[in-house]
């Protein structure tokens, strides 16, 4: 039997201005995503779709989910292959092509910038391809998820070294 994992999120629309969805400008797209024990996530539509720019929109959340999943998949592989990642950022972006009233993502590009303290640099780069293959979210979408990683190797001389404990060495 294949194991299954189930996830849930509660959504509550908070944008009723009194007349509900009586017209496209009569309501707010504001909503709250929640899950027991976690901070609420304030959501809306993207500004281009009459949403609030100060809140997360579904498009940003999907791109964020892809970036998070790739990072976690990468960390799993890095640990497995002896690559010590000491910093990791991503400047992910996505493109939607409109088609009448609807649209679809045509691609997402992840741009991980990372530093490794140990491990093979070439292997560290190749592991991004493997991370894409094991990322649950990337394997669930019907558009390409590209990645443009940049990896630097930390200077071992620049790493902080603990001061020797002179008191304990004198008594040993």
N, C-alpha and C. Protein backbone atom coordinates (compact mmCIF):
# COMPACT_ATOMS: atom_id res chain seq x y z
N UNK A 1 0.84 -1.18 0.00
CA UNK A 1 0.00 0.00 0.00
C UNK A 1 0.88 1.24 0.00
N UNK A 2 0.59 2.19 -0.85
CA UNK A 2 1.34 3.43 -0.94
C UNK A 2 0.89 4.37 0.18
N UNK A 3 1.84 4.91 0.96
CA UNK A 3 1.43 5.83 2.03
C UNK A 3 0.87 7.12 1.44
N UNK A 4 -0.08 7.67 2.14
CA UNK A 4 -0.66 8.95 1.75
C UNK A 4 -0.47 9.94 2.89
N UNK A 5 -0.33 11.19 2.54
CA UNK A 5 -0.24 12.27 3.52
C UNK A 5 -1.31 13.27 3.15
N UNK A 6 -2.03 13.74 4.12
CA UNK A 6 -3.12 14.67 3.88
C UNK A 6 -2.80 16.01 4.53
N UNK A 7 -3.12 17.09 3.84
CA UNK A 7 -2.87 18.43 4.34
C UNK A 7 -4.17 19.22 4.22
N UNK A 8 -4.35 20.19 5.10
CA UNK A 8 -5.57 20.98 5.05
C UNK A 8 -5.29 22.43 5.37
N UNK A 9 -6.11 23.29 4.83
CA UNK A 9 -6.07 24.72 5.08
C UNK A 9 -7.51 25.19 5.11
N UNK A 10 -7.83 26.07 6.04
CA UNK A 10 -9.16 26.67 6.07
C UNK A 10 -9.10 28.04 5.41
N UNK A 11 -10.10 28.37 4.63
CA UNK A 11 -10.18 29.66 3.97
C UNK A 11 -11.48 30.33 4.40
N UNK A 12 -11.39 31.62 4.77
CA UNK A 12 -12.58 32.39 5.10
C UNK A 12 -12.53 33.70 4.32
N UNK A 13 -13.53 33.93 3.50
CA UNK A 13 -13.64 35.18 2.76
C UNK A 13 -14.07 36.27 3.73
N UNK A 14 -13.40 37.40 3.72
CA UNK A 14 -13.69 38.51 4.64
C UNK A 14 -14.05 39.78 3.88
N UNK A 15 -14.33 39.66 2.60
CA UNK A 15 -14.50 40.83 1.75
C UNK A 15 -15.92 41.26 1.44
N UNK A 16 -16.92 40.78 2.18
CA UNK A 16 -18.30 41.21 1.93
C UNK A 16 -18.46 42.64 2.44
N UNK A 17 -18.76 43.56 1.54
CA UNK A 17 -18.95 44.97 1.90
C UNK A 17 -20.43 45.30 2.14
N UNK A 18 -21.25 44.28 2.27
CA UNK A 18 -22.65 44.50 2.57
C UNK A 18 -23.61 43.97 1.53
N UNK A 19 -23.17 43.90 0.28
CA UNK A 19 -24.05 43.38 -0.77
C UNK A 19 -23.47 42.13 -1.42
N UNK A 20 -22.46 41.56 -0.80
CA UNK A 20 -21.86 40.35 -1.33
C UNK A 20 -21.26 40.57 -2.71
N UNK A 21 -21.41 39.60 -3.56
CA UNK A 21 -20.82 39.67 -4.91
C UNK A 21 -21.84 40.18 -5.91
N UNK A 22 -22.57 41.24 -5.52
CA UNK A 22 -23.61 41.79 -6.40
C UNK A 22 -23.04 42.43 -7.66
N UNK A 23 -21.79 42.80 -7.65
CA UNK A 23 -21.11 43.37 -8.82
C UNK A 23 -19.62 43.23 -8.65
N UNK A 24 -18.85 43.28 -9.73
CA UNK A 24 -17.41 43.03 -9.63
C UNK A 24 -16.65 44.02 -8.77
N UNK A 25 -17.18 45.22 -8.57
CA UNK A 25 -16.51 46.22 -7.74
C UNK A 25 -17.18 46.36 -6.37
N UNK A 26 -18.17 45.53 -6.08
CA UNK A 26 -18.94 45.66 -4.84
C UNK A 26 -18.37 44.85 -3.69
N UNK A 27 -17.33 44.12 -3.90
CA UNK A 27 -16.77 43.28 -2.84
C UNK A 27 -15.25 43.29 -2.91
N UNK A 28 -14.67 42.96 -1.78
CA UNK A 28 -13.22 42.85 -1.68
C UNK A 28 -12.83 41.39 -1.90
N UNK A 29 -11.66 41.19 -2.40
CA UNK A 29 -11.14 39.82 -2.60
C UNK A 29 -10.40 39.32 -1.36
N UNK A 30 -10.47 40.05 -0.27
CA UNK A 30 -9.73 39.69 0.95
C UNK A 30 -10.26 38.41 1.56
N UNK A 31 -9.31 37.63 2.06
CA UNK A 31 -9.64 36.37 2.73
C UNK A 31 -8.52 36.01 3.69
N UNK A 32 -8.77 35.03 4.53
CA UNK A 32 -7.79 34.57 5.50
C UNK A 32 -7.61 33.06 5.32
N UNK A 33 -6.36 32.64 5.21
CA UNK A 33 -6.02 31.22 5.22
C UNK A 33 -5.54 30.89 6.62
N UNK A 34 -6.03 29.79 7.16
CA UNK A 34 -5.62 29.45 8.51
C UNK A 34 -5.48 27.95 8.67
N UNK A 35 -4.77 27.61 9.72
CA UNK A 35 -4.60 26.21 10.12
C UNK A 35 -4.32 26.25 11.62
N UNK A 36 -4.92 25.36 12.36
CA UNK A 36 -4.75 25.35 13.81
C UNK A 36 -3.29 25.44 14.21
N UNK A 37 -3.00 26.36 15.12
CA UNK A 37 -1.66 26.48 15.66
C UNK A 37 -0.69 27.29 14.83
N UNK A 38 -1.14 27.84 13.69
CA UNK A 38 -0.25 28.62 12.84
C UNK A 38 -0.80 30.03 12.70
N UNK A 39 0.07 31.00 12.43
CA UNK A 39 -0.43 32.36 12.20
C UNK A 39 -1.30 32.40 10.93
N UNK A 40 -2.32 33.23 10.97
CA UNK A 40 -3.16 33.41 9.79
C UNK A 40 -2.36 34.03 8.66
N UNK A 41 -2.71 33.68 7.45
CA UNK A 41 -2.10 34.23 6.25
C UNK A 41 -3.16 35.06 5.55
N UNK A 42 -2.90 36.35 5.42
CA UNK A 42 -3.88 37.25 4.81
C UNK A 42 -3.74 37.20 3.30
N UNK A 43 -4.83 36.89 2.62
CA UNK A 43 -4.80 36.74 1.18
C UNK A 43 -5.76 37.67 0.48
N UNK A 44 -5.56 37.82 -0.81
CA UNK A 44 -6.41 38.60 -1.69
C UNK A 44 -6.11 38.16 -3.11
N UNK A 45 -6.75 38.79 -4.06
CA UNK A 45 -6.39 38.60 -5.46
C UNK A 45 -5.18 39.49 -5.74
N UNK A 46 -4.51 39.24 -6.83
CA UNK A 46 -3.42 40.12 -7.26
C UNK A 46 -4.03 41.48 -7.62
N UNK A 47 -3.27 42.55 -7.48
CA UNK A 47 -3.81 43.87 -7.80
C UNK A 47 -4.40 43.96 -9.21
N UNK A 48 -3.80 43.26 -10.17
CA UNK A 48 -4.31 43.29 -11.54
C UNK A 48 -5.72 42.69 -11.63
N UNK A 49 -6.11 41.90 -10.61
CA UNK A 49 -7.43 41.29 -10.58
C UNK A 49 -8.29 41.90 -9.46
N UNK A 50 -8.08 43.18 -9.21
CA UNK A 50 -8.83 43.96 -8.21
C UNK A 50 -8.55 43.54 -6.78
N UNK A 51 -7.36 43.08 -6.52
CA UNK A 51 -7.01 42.64 -5.18
C UNK A 51 -6.17 43.66 -4.43
N UNK A 52 -5.85 43.33 -3.21
CA UNK A 52 -5.09 44.17 -2.30
C UNK A 52 -3.60 43.80 -2.39
N UNK A 53 -2.79 44.75 -2.77
CA UNK A 53 -1.35 44.51 -2.94
C UNK A 53 -0.64 44.20 -1.63
N UNK A 54 -1.26 44.52 -0.50
CA UNK A 54 -0.65 44.26 0.80
C UNK A 54 -0.86 42.84 1.31
N UNK A 55 -1.63 42.04 0.56
CA UNK A 55 -1.91 40.67 0.97
C UNK A 55 -1.35 39.69 -0.05
N UNK A 56 -1.10 38.48 0.40
CA UNK A 56 -0.63 37.41 -0.49
C UNK A 56 -1.73 37.01 -1.45
N UNK A 57 -1.35 36.76 -2.72
CA UNK A 57 -2.33 36.30 -3.69
C UNK A 57 -2.00 34.86 -4.09
N UNK A 58 -2.96 34.15 -4.70
CA UNK A 58 -2.74 32.74 -5.04
C UNK A 58 -1.54 32.51 -5.94
N UNK A 59 -1.28 33.44 -6.84
CA UNK A 59 -0.15 33.28 -7.75
C UNK A 59 1.17 33.31 -6.98
N UNK A 60 1.29 34.26 -6.05
CA UNK A 60 2.50 34.33 -5.22
C UNK A 60 2.63 33.08 -4.34
N UNK A 61 1.51 32.62 -3.82
CA UNK A 61 1.55 31.43 -2.96
C UNK A 61 2.00 30.19 -3.72
N UNK A 62 1.56 30.06 -4.98
CA UNK A 62 1.99 28.91 -5.77
C UNK A 62 3.49 28.99 -6.05
N UNK A 63 3.97 30.16 -6.43
CA UNK A 63 5.41 30.34 -6.67
C UNK A 63 6.18 30.07 -5.38
N UNK A 64 5.66 30.58 -4.26
CA UNK A 64 6.30 30.34 -2.97
C UNK A 64 6.34 28.88 -2.61
N UNK A 65 5.25 28.16 -2.88
CA UNK A 65 5.20 26.72 -2.59
C UNK A 65 6.24 25.97 -3.41
N UNK A 66 6.39 26.35 -4.67
CA UNK A 66 7.41 25.70 -5.51
C UNK A 66 8.82 25.99 -4.99
N UNK A 67 9.07 27.24 -4.59
CA UNK A 67 10.40 27.60 -4.06
C UNK A 67 10.68 26.86 -2.76
N UNK A 68 9.68 26.80 -1.87
CA UNK A 68 9.87 26.09 -0.60
C UNK A 68 10.13 24.61 -0.82
N UNK A 69 9.33 24.00 -1.67
CA UNK A 69 9.45 22.57 -1.92
C UNK A 69 10.81 22.24 -2.54
N UNK A 70 11.26 23.08 -3.48
CA UNK A 70 12.56 22.85 -4.10
C UNK A 70 13.67 22.94 -3.04
N UNK A 71 13.59 23.96 -2.18
CA UNK A 71 14.62 24.13 -1.15
C UNK A 71 14.65 22.93 -0.22
N UNK A 72 13.48 22.48 0.25
CA UNK A 72 13.45 21.35 1.17
C UNK A 72 13.93 20.06 0.50
N UNK A 73 13.55 19.87 -0.77
CA UNK A 73 14.03 18.70 -1.52
C UNK A 73 15.54 18.78 -1.70
N UNK A 74 16.04 19.97 -1.99
CA UNK A 74 17.48 20.16 -2.16
C UNK A 74 18.21 19.87 -0.85
N UNK A 75 17.70 20.38 0.26
CA UNK A 75 18.35 20.14 1.56
C UNK A 75 18.41 18.65 1.87
N UNK A 76 17.36 17.93 1.56
CA UNK A 76 17.35 16.48 1.77
C UNK A 76 18.50 15.84 0.99
N UNK A 77 18.63 16.22 -0.29
CA UNK A 77 19.68 15.64 -1.12
C UNK A 77 21.07 16.10 -0.69
N UNK A 78 21.19 17.36 -0.32
CA UNK A 78 22.49 17.88 0.12
C UNK A 78 22.98 17.11 1.34
N UNK A 79 22.10 16.91 2.30
CA UNK A 79 22.46 16.17 3.50
C UNK A 79 22.89 14.74 3.16
N UNK A 80 22.13 14.14 2.27
CA UNK A 80 22.41 12.76 1.85
C UNK A 80 23.78 12.63 1.17
N UNK A 81 24.21 13.69 0.47
CA UNK A 81 25.46 13.66 -0.29
C UNK A 81 26.61 14.43 0.36
N UNK A 82 26.48 14.81 1.62
CA UNK A 82 27.57 15.45 2.34
C UNK A 82 27.85 16.89 1.92
N UNK A 83 26.84 17.59 1.46
CA UNK A 83 27.01 18.99 1.09
C UNK A 83 26.39 19.84 2.19
N UNK A 84 27.22 20.66 2.82
CA UNK A 84 26.76 21.50 3.93
C UNK A 84 26.38 22.88 3.38
N UNK A 85 25.09 23.13 3.28
CA UNK A 85 24.58 24.42 2.83
C UNK A 85 24.54 25.35 4.03
N UNK A 86 25.15 26.54 3.89
CA UNK A 86 25.18 27.48 5.01
C UNK A 86 24.31 28.71 4.78
N UNK A 87 23.92 28.96 3.54
CA UNK A 87 22.96 30.03 3.28
C UNK A 87 22.21 29.69 2.00
N UNK A 88 20.96 30.16 1.93
CA UNK A 88 20.11 29.83 0.77
C UNK A 88 19.05 30.91 0.65
N UNK A 89 18.96 31.53 -0.50
CA UNK A 89 17.88 32.46 -0.82
C UNK A 89 17.35 32.09 -2.20
N UNK A 90 16.18 32.60 -2.52
CA UNK A 90 15.62 32.34 -3.85
C UNK A 90 14.83 33.56 -4.27
N UNK A 91 14.99 33.97 -5.49
CA UNK A 91 14.22 35.07 -6.09
C UNK A 91 13.38 34.47 -7.21
N UNK A 92 12.32 33.77 -6.82
CA UNK A 92 11.49 33.01 -7.76
C UNK A 92 10.50 33.93 -8.46
N UNK A 93 10.16 33.56 -9.70
CA UNK A 93 9.17 34.33 -10.46
C UNK A 93 8.40 33.39 -11.37
N UNK A 94 7.22 33.83 -11.77
CA UNK A 94 6.39 33.02 -12.65
C UNK A 94 5.70 33.88 -13.69
N UNK A 95 5.27 33.24 -14.75
CA UNK A 95 4.59 33.93 -15.84
C UNK A 95 3.23 33.28 -16.07
N UNK A 96 2.22 34.13 -16.18
CA UNK A 96 0.87 33.67 -16.51
C UNK A 96 0.52 34.24 -17.87
N UNK A 97 0.00 33.41 -18.73
CA UNK A 97 -0.50 33.86 -20.02
C UNK A 97 -2.02 33.85 -19.94
N UNK A 98 -2.61 35.00 -20.21
CA UNK A 98 -4.07 35.14 -20.16
C UNK A 98 -4.67 34.57 -21.44
N UNK A 99 -5.85 33.97 -21.29
CA UNK A 99 -6.57 33.38 -22.40
C UNK A 99 -8.05 33.70 -22.18
N UNK A 100 -8.50 34.81 -22.72
CA UNK A 100 -9.87 35.25 -22.47
C UNK A 100 -10.00 35.65 -21.02
N UNK A 101 -11.03 35.15 -20.34
CA UNK A 101 -11.25 35.48 -18.93
C UNK A 101 -10.36 34.68 -18.01
N UNK A 102 -9.76 33.61 -18.51
CA UNK A 102 -8.89 32.76 -17.68
C UNK A 102 -7.44 32.92 -18.05
N UNK A 103 -6.65 32.04 -17.58
CA UNK A 103 -5.23 32.05 -17.86
C UNK A 103 -4.58 30.86 -17.20
N UNK A 104 -3.27 30.73 -17.43
CA UNK A 104 -2.53 29.64 -16.82
C UNK A 104 -1.07 30.02 -16.70
N UNK A 105 -0.42 29.43 -15.72
CA UNK A 105 1.02 29.61 -15.61
C UNK A 105 1.67 28.92 -16.81
N UNK A 106 2.64 29.58 -17.40
CA UNK A 106 3.40 28.97 -18.48
C UNK A 106 4.77 28.49 -18.01
N UNK A 107 5.27 29.07 -16.91
CA UNK A 107 6.52 28.61 -16.32
C UNK A 107 6.76 29.34 -15.00
N UNK A 108 7.58 28.73 -14.19
CA UNK A 108 8.11 29.35 -12.98
C UNK A 108 9.61 29.15 -13.02
N UNK A 109 10.35 30.19 -12.65
CA UNK A 109 11.81 30.08 -12.59
C UNK A 109 12.25 30.32 -11.16
N UNK A 110 12.99 29.37 -10.63
CA UNK A 110 13.57 29.48 -9.30
C UNK A 110 15.02 29.92 -9.47
N UNK A 111 15.47 30.83 -8.61
CA UNK A 111 16.84 31.34 -8.69
C UNK A 111 17.53 31.21 -7.34
N UNK A 112 17.81 29.96 -6.94
CA UNK A 112 18.47 29.77 -5.66
C UNK A 112 19.89 30.34 -5.67
N UNK A 113 20.22 31.07 -4.62
CA UNK A 113 21.57 31.58 -4.39
C UNK A 113 22.01 30.99 -3.07
N UNK A 114 23.08 30.22 -3.11
CA UNK A 114 23.45 29.51 -1.91
C UNK A 114 24.96 29.47 -1.72
N UNK A 115 25.32 29.21 -0.48
CA UNK A 115 26.72 29.02 -0.12
C UNK A 115 26.84 27.65 0.53
N UNK A 116 27.89 26.94 0.14
CA UNK A 116 28.16 25.65 0.78
C UNK A 116 29.50 25.74 1.50
N UNK A 117 29.57 25.07 2.65
CA UNK A 117 30.81 25.07 3.43
C UNK A 117 31.65 23.85 3.10
N UNK A 118 30.99 22.79 2.62
CA UNK A 118 31.74 21.59 2.26
C UNK A 118 30.94 20.82 1.22
N UNK A 119 31.65 19.96 0.50
CA UNK A 119 31.01 19.17 -0.54
C UNK A 119 31.48 19.57 -1.91
N UNK A 120 31.15 18.76 -2.89
CA UNK A 120 31.57 18.95 -4.27
C UNK A 120 30.68 19.98 -4.97
N UNK A 121 31.27 21.04 -5.51
CA UNK A 121 30.51 22.12 -6.15
C UNK A 121 29.73 21.62 -7.35
N UNK A 122 30.32 20.81 -8.19
CA UNK A 122 29.62 20.29 -9.38
C UNK A 122 28.43 19.42 -8.98
N UNK A 123 28.61 18.59 -7.98
CA UNK A 123 27.51 17.77 -7.49
C UNK A 123 26.42 18.67 -6.90
N UNK A 124 26.83 19.69 -6.17
CA UNK A 124 25.87 20.61 -5.58
C UNK A 124 24.99 21.25 -6.66
N UNK A 125 25.57 21.60 -7.79
CA UNK A 125 24.79 22.15 -8.90
C UNK A 125 23.85 21.10 -9.50
N UNK A 126 24.36 19.89 -9.72
CA UNK A 126 23.54 18.83 -10.32
C UNK A 126 22.36 18.42 -9.44
N UNK A 127 22.51 18.56 -8.16
CA UNK A 127 21.44 18.14 -7.26
C UNK A 127 20.16 18.98 -7.44
N UNK A 128 20.28 20.15 -8.05
CA UNK A 128 19.07 20.94 -8.32
C UNK A 128 18.15 20.21 -9.30
N UNK A 129 18.72 19.52 -10.28
CA UNK A 129 17.90 18.74 -11.21
C UNK A 129 17.17 17.62 -10.47
N UNK A 130 17.90 16.95 -9.59
CA UNK A 130 17.28 15.85 -8.84
C UNK A 130 16.23 16.38 -7.86
N UNK A 131 16.49 17.54 -7.27
CA UNK A 131 15.52 18.14 -6.34
C UNK A 131 14.21 18.42 -7.05
N UNK A 132 14.29 18.88 -8.28
CA UNK A 132 13.06 19.13 -9.05
C UNK A 132 12.27 17.84 -9.24
N UNK A 133 12.97 16.73 -9.43
CA UNK A 133 12.31 15.46 -9.68
C UNK A 133 11.63 14.89 -8.43
N UNK A 134 12.10 15.25 -7.25
CA UNK A 134 11.49 14.71 -6.04
C UNK A 134 10.59 15.73 -5.32
N UNK A 135 10.54 16.94 -5.82
CA UNK A 135 9.67 17.97 -5.21
C UNK A 135 8.22 17.65 -5.54
N UNK A 136 7.41 17.43 -4.51
CA UNK A 136 6.00 17.06 -4.70
C UNK A 136 5.24 18.13 -5.48
N UNK A 137 5.51 19.37 -5.18
CA UNK A 137 4.76 20.46 -5.81
C UNK A 137 5.15 20.58 -7.28
N UNK A 138 6.45 20.55 -7.58
CA UNK A 138 6.89 20.66 -8.98
C UNK A 138 6.35 19.50 -9.81
N UNK A 139 6.23 18.32 -9.20
CA UNK A 139 5.72 17.17 -9.93
C UNK A 139 4.20 17.21 -10.10
N UNK A 140 3.55 18.18 -9.47
CA UNK A 140 2.09 18.28 -9.51
C UNK A 140 1.57 19.37 -10.45
N UNK A 141 2.46 20.17 -11.00
CA UNK A 141 2.02 21.26 -11.88
C UNK A 141 2.23 20.87 -13.34
N UNK A 142 1.48 21.53 -14.23
CA UNK A 142 1.55 21.17 -15.66
C UNK A 142 2.31 22.20 -16.48
N UNK A 143 3.29 22.84 -15.88
CA UNK A 143 4.14 23.79 -16.58
C UNK A 143 5.57 23.58 -16.10
N UNK A 144 6.55 24.02 -16.89
CA UNK A 144 7.94 23.82 -16.49
C UNK A 144 8.32 24.66 -15.27
N UNK A 145 9.09 24.04 -14.39
CA UNK A 145 9.68 24.74 -13.26
C UNK A 145 11.19 24.73 -13.52
N UNK A 146 11.68 25.86 -13.92
CA UNK A 146 13.11 25.98 -14.26
C UNK A 146 13.88 26.44 -13.02
N UNK A 147 15.16 26.21 -13.03
CA UNK A 147 15.99 26.70 -11.94
C UNK A 147 17.31 27.20 -12.49
N UNK A 148 17.74 28.31 -11.92
CA UNK A 148 18.99 28.96 -12.30
C UNK A 148 19.83 29.16 -11.03
N UNK A 149 20.42 28.09 -10.52
CA UNK A 149 21.14 28.20 -9.25
C UNK A 149 22.50 28.89 -9.41
N UNK A 150 22.90 29.56 -8.35
CA UNK A 150 24.26 30.07 -8.22
C UNK A 150 24.77 29.61 -6.87
N UNK A 151 25.93 28.96 -6.90
CA UNK A 151 26.48 28.40 -5.66
C UNK A 151 27.88 28.93 -5.46
N UNK A 152 28.15 29.39 -4.27
CA UNK A 152 29.52 29.78 -3.93
C UNK A 152 29.99 28.88 -2.79
N UNK A 153 31.30 28.74 -2.71
CA UNK A 153 31.90 27.92 -1.66
C UNK A 153 32.45 28.87 -0.61
N UNK A 154 32.05 28.63 0.64
CA UNK A 154 32.52 29.48 1.73
C UNK A 154 34.02 29.34 1.89
N UNK A 155 34.67 30.44 2.18
CA UNK A 155 36.11 30.45 2.44
C UNK A 155 36.33 29.86 3.83
N UNK A 156 37.02 28.71 3.91
CA UNK A 156 37.20 28.09 5.23
C UNK A 156 37.93 29.00 6.21
N UNK A 157 38.78 29.88 5.70
CA UNK A 157 39.51 30.81 6.57
C UNK A 157 38.59 31.88 7.14
N UNK A 158 37.49 32.15 6.43
CA UNK A 158 36.56 33.18 6.89
C UNK A 158 35.57 32.64 7.90
N UNK A 159 35.51 31.31 8.06
CA UNK A 159 34.58 30.71 9.01
C UNK A 159 35.06 30.98 10.43
N UNK A 160 34.14 31.30 11.33
CA UNK A 160 34.55 31.53 12.72
C UNK A 160 35.09 30.25 13.34
N UNK A 161 36.19 30.38 14.04
CA UNK A 161 36.79 29.23 14.73
C UNK A 161 36.57 29.44 16.22
N UNK A 162 36.16 28.40 16.92
CA UNK A 162 35.98 28.56 18.37
C UNK A 162 37.33 28.80 19.04
N UNK A 163 37.28 29.66 20.04
CA UNK A 163 38.51 29.92 20.81
C UNK A 163 38.84 28.68 21.61
N UNK A 164 40.11 28.32 21.70
CA UNK A 164 40.46 27.16 22.53
C UNK A 164 40.17 27.47 23.99
N UNK A 165 39.72 26.46 24.71
CA UNK A 165 39.45 26.61 26.13
C UNK A 165 40.76 26.36 26.88
N UNK A 166 41.48 27.46 27.16
CA UNK A 166 42.80 27.36 27.76
C UNK A 166 42.73 26.80 29.20
N UNK A 167 41.67 27.11 29.89
CA UNK A 167 41.56 26.65 31.27
C UNK A 167 41.48 25.13 31.35
N UNK A 168 40.69 24.53 30.47
CA UNK A 168 40.57 23.06 30.53
C UNK A 168 41.81 22.38 29.97
N UNK A 169 42.53 23.00 29.00
CA UNK A 169 43.71 22.34 28.47
C UNK A 169 44.86 22.39 29.45
N UNK A 170 44.88 23.41 30.30
CA UNK A 170 45.97 23.52 31.28
C UNK A 170 45.83 22.47 32.38
N UNK A 171 44.62 22.06 32.66
CA UNK A 171 44.42 21.12 33.75
C UNK A 171 44.38 19.67 33.25
N UNK A 172 44.36 19.44 31.96
CA UNK A 172 44.27 18.07 31.43
C UNK A 172 45.57 17.33 31.54
